[in-house]
PDB file of N, CA and C in Angstrom:
ATOM      1  N   MET A   1       8.750 -21.854 -31.948  1.00  0.00           N
ATOM      2  CA  MET A   1      10.159 -21.514 -31.885  1.00  0.00           C
ATOM      3  C   MET A   1      10.734 -22.074 -30.586  1.00  0.00           C
ATOM      4  N   ASP A   2      11.841 -22.736 -30.691  1.00  0.00           N
ATOM      5  CA  ASP A   2      12.438 -23.313 -29.489  1.00  0.00           C
ATOM      6  C   ASP A   2      13.311 -22.285 -28.755  1.00  0.00           C
ATOM      7  N   PHE A   3      13.644 -22.622 -27.554  1.00  0.00           N
ATOM      8  CA  PHE A   3      14.364 -21.704 -26.669  1.00  0.00           C
ATOM      9  C   PHE A   3      15.740 -21.328 -27.220  1.00  0.00           C
ATOM     10  N   ASN A   4      16.425 -22.272 -27.841  1.00  0.00           N
ATOM     11  CA  ASN A   4      17.762 -22.025 -28.374  1.00  0.00           C
ATOM     12  C   ASN A   4      17.734 -20.948 -29.466  1.00  0.00           C
ATOM     13  N   ARG A   5      16.721 -20.990 -30.323  1.00  0.00           N
ATOM     14  CA  ARG A   5      16.606 -19.985 -31.383  1.00  0.00           C
ATOM     15  C   ARG A   5      16.360 -18.600 -30.804  1.00  0.00           C
ATOM     16  N   ILE A   6      15.527 -18.532 -29.756  1.00  0.00           N
ATOM     17  CA  ILE A   6      15.233 -17.245 -29.129  1.00  0.00           C
ATOM     18  C   ILE A   6      16.503 -16.654 -28.507  1.00  0.00           C
ATOM     19  N   VAL A   7      17.252 -17.484 -27.812  1.00  0.00           N
ATOM     20  CA  VAL A   7      18.500 -17.022 -27.192  1.00  0.00           C
ATOM     21  C   VAL A   7      19.488 -16.563 -28.264  1.00  0.00           C
ATOM     22  N   THR A   8      19.587 -17.305 -29.340  1.00  0.00           N
ATOM     23  CA  THR A   8      20.488 -16.927 -30.435  1.00  0.00           C
ATOM     24  C   THR A   8      20.071 -15.593 -31.041  1.00  0.00           C
ATOM     25  N   MET A   9      18.785 -15.409 -31.250  1.00  0.00           N
ATOM     26  CA  MET A   9      18.272 -14.176 -31.840  1.00  0.00           C
ATOM     27  C   MET A   9      18.582 -12.974 -30.934  1.00  0.00           C
ATOM     28  N   ILE A  10      18.346 -13.118 -29.648  1.00  0.00           N
ATOM     29  CA  ILE A  10      18.605 -12.022 -28.710  1.00  0.00           C
ATOM     30  C   ILE A  10      20.100 -11.730 -28.620  1.00  0.00           C
ATOM     31  N   THR A  11      20.915 -12.766 -28.624  1.00  0.00           N
ATOM     32  CA  THR A  11      22.363 -12.586 -28.585  1.00  0.00           C
ATOM     33  C   THR A  11      22.848 -11.824 -29.812  1.00  0.00           C
ATOM     34  N   ARG A  12      22.320 -12.164 -30.973  1.00  0.00           N
ATOM     35  CA  ARG A  12      22.704 -11.457 -32.206  1.00  0.00           C
ATOM     36  C   ARG A  12      22.299 -10.000 -32.154  1.00  0.00           C
ATOM     37  N   MET A  13      21.115  -9.718 -31.617  1.00  0.00           N
ATOM     38  CA  MET A  13      20.653  -8.328 -31.509  1.00  0.00           C
ATOM     39  C   MET A  13      21.618  -7.509 -30.651  1.00  0.00           C
ATOM     40  N   PHE A  14      21.983  -8.037 -29.490  1.00  0.00           N
ATOM     41  CA  PHE A  14      22.894  -7.306 -28.607  1.00  0.00           C
ATOM     42  C   PHE A  14      24.285  -7.180 -29.215  1.00  0.00           C
ATOM     43  N   THR A  15      24.757  -8.220 -29.864  1.00  0.00           N
ATOM     44  CA  THR A  15      26.070  -8.171 -30.504  1.00  0.00           C
ATOM     45  C   THR A  15      26.093  -7.122 -31.605  1.00  0.00           C
ATOM     46  N   ARG A  16      25.048  -7.070 -32.402  1.00  0.00           N
ATOM     47  CA  ARG A  16      24.965  -6.091 -33.493  1.00  0.00           C
ATOM     48  C   ARG A  16      24.965  -4.669 -32.938  1.00  0.00           C
ATOM     49  N   ARG A  17      24.182  -4.442 -31.893  1.00  0.00           N
ATOM     50  CA  ARG A  17      24.138  -3.102 -31.300  1.00  0.00           C
ATOM     51  C   ARG A  17      25.484  -2.707 -30.712  1.00  0.00           C
ATOM     52  N   ALA A  18      26.126  -3.621 -30.025  1.00  0.00           N
ATOM     53  CA  ALA A  18      27.427  -3.322 -29.422  1.00  0.00           C
ATOM     54  C   ALA A  18      28.475  -3.034 -30.495  1.00  0.00           C
ATOM     55  N   THR A  19      28.450  -3.801 -31.562  1.00  0.00           N
ATOM     56  CA  THR A  19      29.399  -3.600 -32.657  1.00  0.00           C
ATOM     57  C   THR A  19      29.176  -2.240 -33.317  1.00  0.00           C
ATOM     58  N   ASN A  20      27.923  -1.915 -33.603  1.00  0.00           N
ATOM     59  CA  ASN A  20      27.621  -0.625 -34.227  1.00  0.00           C
ATOM     60  C   ASN A  20      28.013   0.536 -33.328  1.00  0.00           C
ATOM     61  N   TRP A  21      27.785   0.390 -32.022  1.00  0.00           N
ATOM     62  CA  TRP A  21      28.162   1.438 -31.076  1.00  0.00           C
ATOM     63  C   TRP A  21      29.681   1.640 -31.103  1.00  0.00           C
ATOM     64  N   GLY A  22      30.422   0.544 -31.096  1.00  0.00           N
ATOM     65  CA  GLY A  22      31.879   0.634 -31.118  1.00  0.00           C
ATOM     66  C   GLY A  22      32.404   1.256 -32.398  1.00  0.00           C
ATOM     67  N   ILE A  23      31.807   0.907 -33.505  1.00  0.00           N
ATOM     68  CA  ILE A  23      32.231   1.473 -34.787  1.00  0.00           C
ATOM     69  C   ILE A  23      31.960   2.973 -34.809  1.00  0.00           C
ATOM     70  N   ARG A  24      30.779   3.376 -34.347  1.00  0.00           N
ATOM     71  CA  ARG A  24      30.448   4.801 -34.311  1.00  0.00           C
ATOM     72  C   ARG A  24      31.407   5.579 -33.424  1.00  0.00           C
ATOM     73  N   LYS A  25      31.721   5.033 -32.258  1.00  0.00           N
ATOM     74  CA  LYS A  25      32.643   5.718 -31.351  1.00  0.00           C
ATOM     75  C   LYS A  25      34.031   5.827 -31.973  1.00  0.00           C
ATOM     76  N   GLY A  26      34.473   4.784 -32.654  1.00  0.00           N
ATOM     77  CA  GLY A  26      35.779   4.812 -33.302  1.00  0.00           C
ATOM     78  C   GLY A  26      35.848   5.830 -34.417  1.00  0.00           C
ATOM     79  N   ILE A  27      34.780   5.917 -35.199  1.00  0.00           N
ATOM     80  CA  ILE A  27      34.738   6.900 -36.295  1.00  0.00           C
ATOM     81  C   ILE A  27      34.736   8.313 -35.724  1.00  0.00           C
ATOM     82  N   ASP A  28      33.956   8.542 -34.668  1.00  0.00           N
ATOM     83  CA  ASP A  28      33.921   9.860 -34.057  1.00  0.00           C
ATOM     84  C   ASP A  28      35.294  10.238 -33.502  1.00  0.00           C
ATOM     85  N   LEU A  29      35.979   9.289 -32.900  1.00  0.00           N
ATOM     86  CA  LEU A  29      37.302   9.544 -32.363  1.00  0.00           C
ATOM     87  C   LEU A  29      38.292   9.851 -33.495  1.00  0.00           C
ATOM     88  N   ALA A  30      38.202   9.082 -34.578  1.00  0.00           N
ATOM     89  CA  ALA A  30      39.106   9.298 -35.715  1.00  0.00           C
ATOM     90  C   ALA A  30      38.814  10.615 -36.423  1.00  0.00           C
ATOM     91  N   ALA A  31      37.560  11.062 -36.374  1.00  0.00           N
ATOM     92  CA  ALA A  31      37.190  12.316 -37.027  1.00  0.00           C
ATOM     93  C   ALA A  31      37.683  13.520 -36.240  1.00  0.00           C
ATOM     94  N   GLY A  32      38.244  13.295 -35.068  1.00  0.00           N
ATOM     95  CA  GLY A  32      38.839  14.381 -34.307  1.00  0.00           C
ATOM     96  C   GLY A  32      37.833  15.139 -33.470  1.00  0.00           C
ATOM     97  N   LYS A  33      36.914  14.432 -32.895  1.00  0.00           N
ATOM     98  CA  LYS A  33      35.892  15.085 -32.087  1.00  0.00           C
ATOM     99  C   LYS A  33      36.463  15.289 -30.688  1.00  0.00           C
ATOM    100  N   GLY A  34      37.425  16.194 -30.558  1.00  0.00           N
ATOM    101  CA  GLY A  34      38.096  16.337 -29.298  1.00  0.00           C
ATOM    102  C   GLY A  34      37.914  17.694 -28.644  1.00  0.00           C
ATOM    103  N   LYS A  35      37.911  18.753 -29.426  1.00  0.00           N
ATOM    104  CA  LYS A  35      37.824  20.101 -28.879  1.00  0.00           C
ATOM    105  C   LYS A  35      36.373  20.591 -28.876  1.00  0.00           C
ATOM    106  N   PRO A  36      36.010  21.361 -27.883  1.00  0.00           N
ATOM    107  CA  PRO A  36      34.704  22.017 -27.944  1.00  0.00           C
ATOM    108  C   PRO A  36      34.724  23.114 -29.016  1.00  0.00           C
ATOM    109  N   ALA A  37      33.576  23.446 -29.568  1.00  0.00           N
ATOM    110  CA  ALA A  37      33.504  24.430 -30.651  1.00  0.00           C
ATOM    111  C   ALA A  37      34.013  25.797 -30.219  1.00  0.00           C
ATOM    112  N   SER A  38      33.867  26.119 -28.941  1.00  0.00           N
ATOM    113  CA  SER A  38      34.306  27.437 -28.476  1.00  0.00           C
ATOM    114  C   SER A  38      35.830  27.592 -28.509  1.00  0.00           C
ATOM    115  N   GLN A  39      36.556  26.485 -28.460  1.00  0.00           N
ATOM    116  CA  GLN A  39      38.024  26.544 -28.472  1.00  0.00           C
ATOM    117  C   GLN A  39      38.609  26.396 -29.871  1.00  0.00           C
ATOM    118  N   MET A  40      37.770  26.158 -30.864  1.00  0.00           N
ATOM    119  CA  MET A  40      38.264  25.961 -32.229  1.00  0.00           C
ATOM    120  C   MET A  40      38.326  27.285 -32.983  1.00  0.00           C
ATOM    121  N   THR A  41      39.247  27.341 -33.933  1.00  0.00           N
ATOM    122  CA  THR A  41      39.277  28.478 -34.841  1.00  0.00           C
ATOM    123  C   THR A  41      38.220  28.244 -35.919  1.00  0.00           C
ATOM    124  N   ALA A  42      37.965  29.248 -36.727  1.00  0.00           N
ATOM    125  CA  ALA A  42      36.948  29.130 -37.785  1.00  0.00           C
ATOM    126  C   ALA A  42      37.327  28.008 -38.764  1.00  0.00           C
ATOM    127  N   GLN A  43      38.615  27.909 -39.065  1.00  0.00           N
ATOM    128  CA  GLN A  43      39.067  26.876 -39.996  1.00  0.00           C
ATOM    129  C   GLN A  43      38.889  25.481 -39.388  1.00  0.00           C
ATOM    130  N   GLU A  44      39.200  25.333 -38.111  1.00  0.00           N
ATOM    131  CA  GLU A  44      39.024  24.034 -37.451  1.00  0.00           C
ATOM    132  C   GLU A  44      37.553  23.635 -37.401  1.00  0.00           C
ATOM    133  N   ARG A  45      36.678  24.610 -37.151  1.00  0.00           N
ATOM    134  CA  ARG A  45      35.234  24.319 -37.134  1.00  0.00           C
ATOM    135  C   ARG A  45      34.759  23.844 -38.498  1.00  0.00           C
ATOM    136  N   GLN A  46      35.258  24.503 -39.549  1.00  0.00           N
ATOM    137  CA  GLN A  46      34.884  24.108 -40.902  1.00  0.00           C
ATOM    138  C   GLN A  46      35.376  22.691 -41.216  1.00  0.00           C
ATOM    139  N   LEU A  47      36.600  22.377 -40.819  1.00  0.00           N
ATOM    140  CA  LEU A  47      37.134  21.030 -41.041  1.00  0.00           C
ATOM    141  C   LEU A  47      36.342  19.983 -40.252  1.00  0.00           C
ATOM    142  N   ALA A  48      35.967  20.331 -39.022  1.00  0.00           N
ATOM    143  CA  ALA A  48      35.184  19.406 -38.210  1.00  0.00           C
ATOM    144  C   ALA A  48      33.815  19.164 -38.835  1.00  0.00           C
ATOM    145  N   ARG A  49      33.212  20.220 -39.361  1.00  0.00           N
ATOM    146  CA  ARG A  49      31.906  20.088 -40.015  1.00  0.00           C
ATOM    147  C   ARG A  49      32.008  19.182 -41.236  1.00  0.00           C
ATOM    148  N   LYS A  50      33.055  19.376 -42.038  1.00  0.00           N
ATOM    149  CA  LYS A  50      33.253  18.524 -43.219  1.00  0.00           C
ATOM    150  C   LYS A  50      33.503  17.079 -42.812  1.00  0.00           C
ATOM    151  N   GLY A  51      34.241  16.885 -41.735  1.00  0.00           N
ATOM    152  CA  GLY A  51      34.494  15.538 -41.241  1.00  0.00           C
ATOM    153  C   GLY A  51      33.212  14.853 -40.801  1.00  0.00           C
ATOM    154  N   ARG A  52      32.343  15.595 -40.092  1.00  0.00           N
ATOM    155  CA  ARG A  52      31.063  15.019 -39.672  1.00  0.00           C
ATOM    156  C   ARG A  52      30.195  14.661 -40.867  1.00  0.00           C
ATOM    157  N   GLN A  53      30.215  15.516 -41.893  1.00  0.00           N
ATOM    158  CA  GLN A  53      29.443  15.219 -43.103  1.00  0.00           C
ATOM    159  C   GLN A  53      29.979  13.972 -43.797  1.00  0.00           C
ATOM    160  N   ALA A  54      31.296  13.820 -43.827  1.00  0.00           N
ATOM    161  CA  ALA A  54      31.899  12.638 -44.441  1.00  0.00           C
ATOM    162  C   ALA A  54      31.521  11.376 -43.669  1.00  0.00           C
ATOM    163  N   VAL A  55      31.517  11.482 -42.345  1.00  0.00           N
ATOM    164  CA  VAL A  55      31.144  10.340 -41.507  1.00  0.00           C
ATOM    165  C   VAL A  55      29.691   9.973 -41.742  1.00  0.00           C
ATOM    166  N   LYS A  56      28.833  10.984 -41.845  1.00  0.00           N
ATOM    167  CA  LYS A  56      27.413  10.733 -42.086  1.00  0.00           C
ATOM    168  C   LYS A  56      27.217  10.017 -43.426  1.00  0.00           C
ATOM    169  N   LEU A  57      27.956  10.460 -44.440  1.00  0.00           N
ATOM    170  CA  LEU A  57      27.869   9.821 -45.752  1.00  0.00           C
ATOM    171  C   LEU A  57      28.396   8.385 -45.705  1.00  0.00           C
ATOM    172  N   ALA A  58      29.467   8.160 -44.957  1.00  0.00           N
ATOM    173  CA  ALA A  58      30.026   6.807 -44.829  1.00  0.00           C
ATOM    174  C   ALA A  58      29.024   5.878 -44.150  1.00  0.00           C
ATOM    175  N   ARG A  59      28.365   6.374 -43.104  1.00  0.00           N
ATOM    176  CA  ARG A  59      27.352   5.557 -42.427  1.00  0.00           C
ATOM    177  C   ARG A  59      26.204   5.223 -43.358  1.00  0.00           C
ATOM    178  N   LYS A  60      25.753   6.231 -44.124  1.00  0.00           N
ATOM    179  CA  LYS A  60      24.661   6.005 -45.076  1.00  0.00           C
ATOM    180  C   LYS A  60      25.054   4.966 -46.119  1.00  0.00           C
ATOM    181  N   SER A  61      26.279   5.077 -46.623  1.00  0.00           N
ATOM    182  CA  SER A  61      26.766   4.140 -47.630  1.00  0.00           C
ATOM    183  C   SER A  61      26.864   2.727 -47.070  1.00  0.00           C
ATOM    184  N   ALA A  62      27.349   2.618 -45.846  1.00  0.00           N
ATOM    185  CA  ALA A  62      27.453   1.302 -45.218  1.00  0.00           C
ATOM    186  C   ALA A  62      26.067   0.692 -45.015  1.00  0.00           C
ATOM    187  N   ARG A  63      25.120   1.529 -44.593  1.00  0.00           N
ATOM    188  CA  ARG A  63      23.747   1.047 -44.403  1.00  0.00           C
ATOM    189  C   ARG A  63      23.156   0.568 -45.728  1.00  0.00           C
ATOM    190  N   LEU A  64      23.382   1.348 -46.792  1.00  0.00           N
ATOM    191  CA  LEU A  64      22.873   0.970 -48.113  1.00  0.00           C
ATOM    192  C   LEU A  64      23.525  -0.309 -48.600  1.00  0.00           C
ATOM    193  N   GLY A  65      24.821  -0.448 -48.369  1.00  0.00           N
ATOM    194  CA  GLY A  65      25.538  -1.660 -48.763  1.00  0.00           C
ATOM    195  C   GLY A  65      25.006  -2.893 -48.048  1.00  0.00           C
ATOM    196  N   ARG A  66      24.725  -2.740 -46.758  1.00  0.00           N
ATOM    197  CA  ARG A  66      24.172  -3.870 -46.023  1.00  0.00           C
ATOM    198  C   ARG A  66      22.773  -4.216 -46.530  1.00  0.00           C
ATOM    199  N   LYS A  67      22.009  -3.174 -46.856  1.00  0.00           N
ATOM    200  CA  LYS A  67      20.648  -3.413 -47.345  1.00  0.00           C
ATOM    201  C   LYS A  67      20.677  -4.133 -48.695  1.00  0.00           C
ATOM    202  N   MET A  68      21.608  -3.752 -49.552  1.00  0.00           N
ATOM    203  CA  MET A  68      21.709  -4.386 -50.881  1.00  0.00           C
ATOM    204  C   MET A  68      22.261  -5.795 -50.773  1.00  0.00           C
ATOM    205  N   GLY A  69      23.024  -6.070 -49.728  1.00  0.00           N
ATOM    206  CA  GLY A  69      23.622  -7.392 -49.551  1.00  0.00           C
ATOM    207  C   GLY A  69      22.648  -8.455 -49.079  1.00  0.00           C
ATOM    208  N   ARG A  70      21.478  -8.024 -48.686  1.00  0.00           N
ATOM    209  CA  ARG A  70      20.485  -8.992 -48.179  1.00  0.00           C
ATOM    210  C   ARG A  70      19.881  -9.826 -49.269  1.00  0.00           C
TER     211      ARG A  70
END
C-alpha cells in the first residue's frame, strides 16, 4: 500500500467520525435536550423520553440503511 492511500484512508476515518459527531449533536439539540430532569414536569420528561427513543430509532434506521447500501 502506498503512502497516498494510507493518508486518504486515515482522512476518511476522521472525516466520518467528525460528521457523525456533528449529526448526533444536532439531533440531540433538535430533540430539546436543554433542561435537566429535575426542572422538568412529568409531561416534559415523558416527551423527552419519547424524543430520545425516536432519535435512537432514527440512528438505528440510518445505520441499517448504510449497511444495506454497501
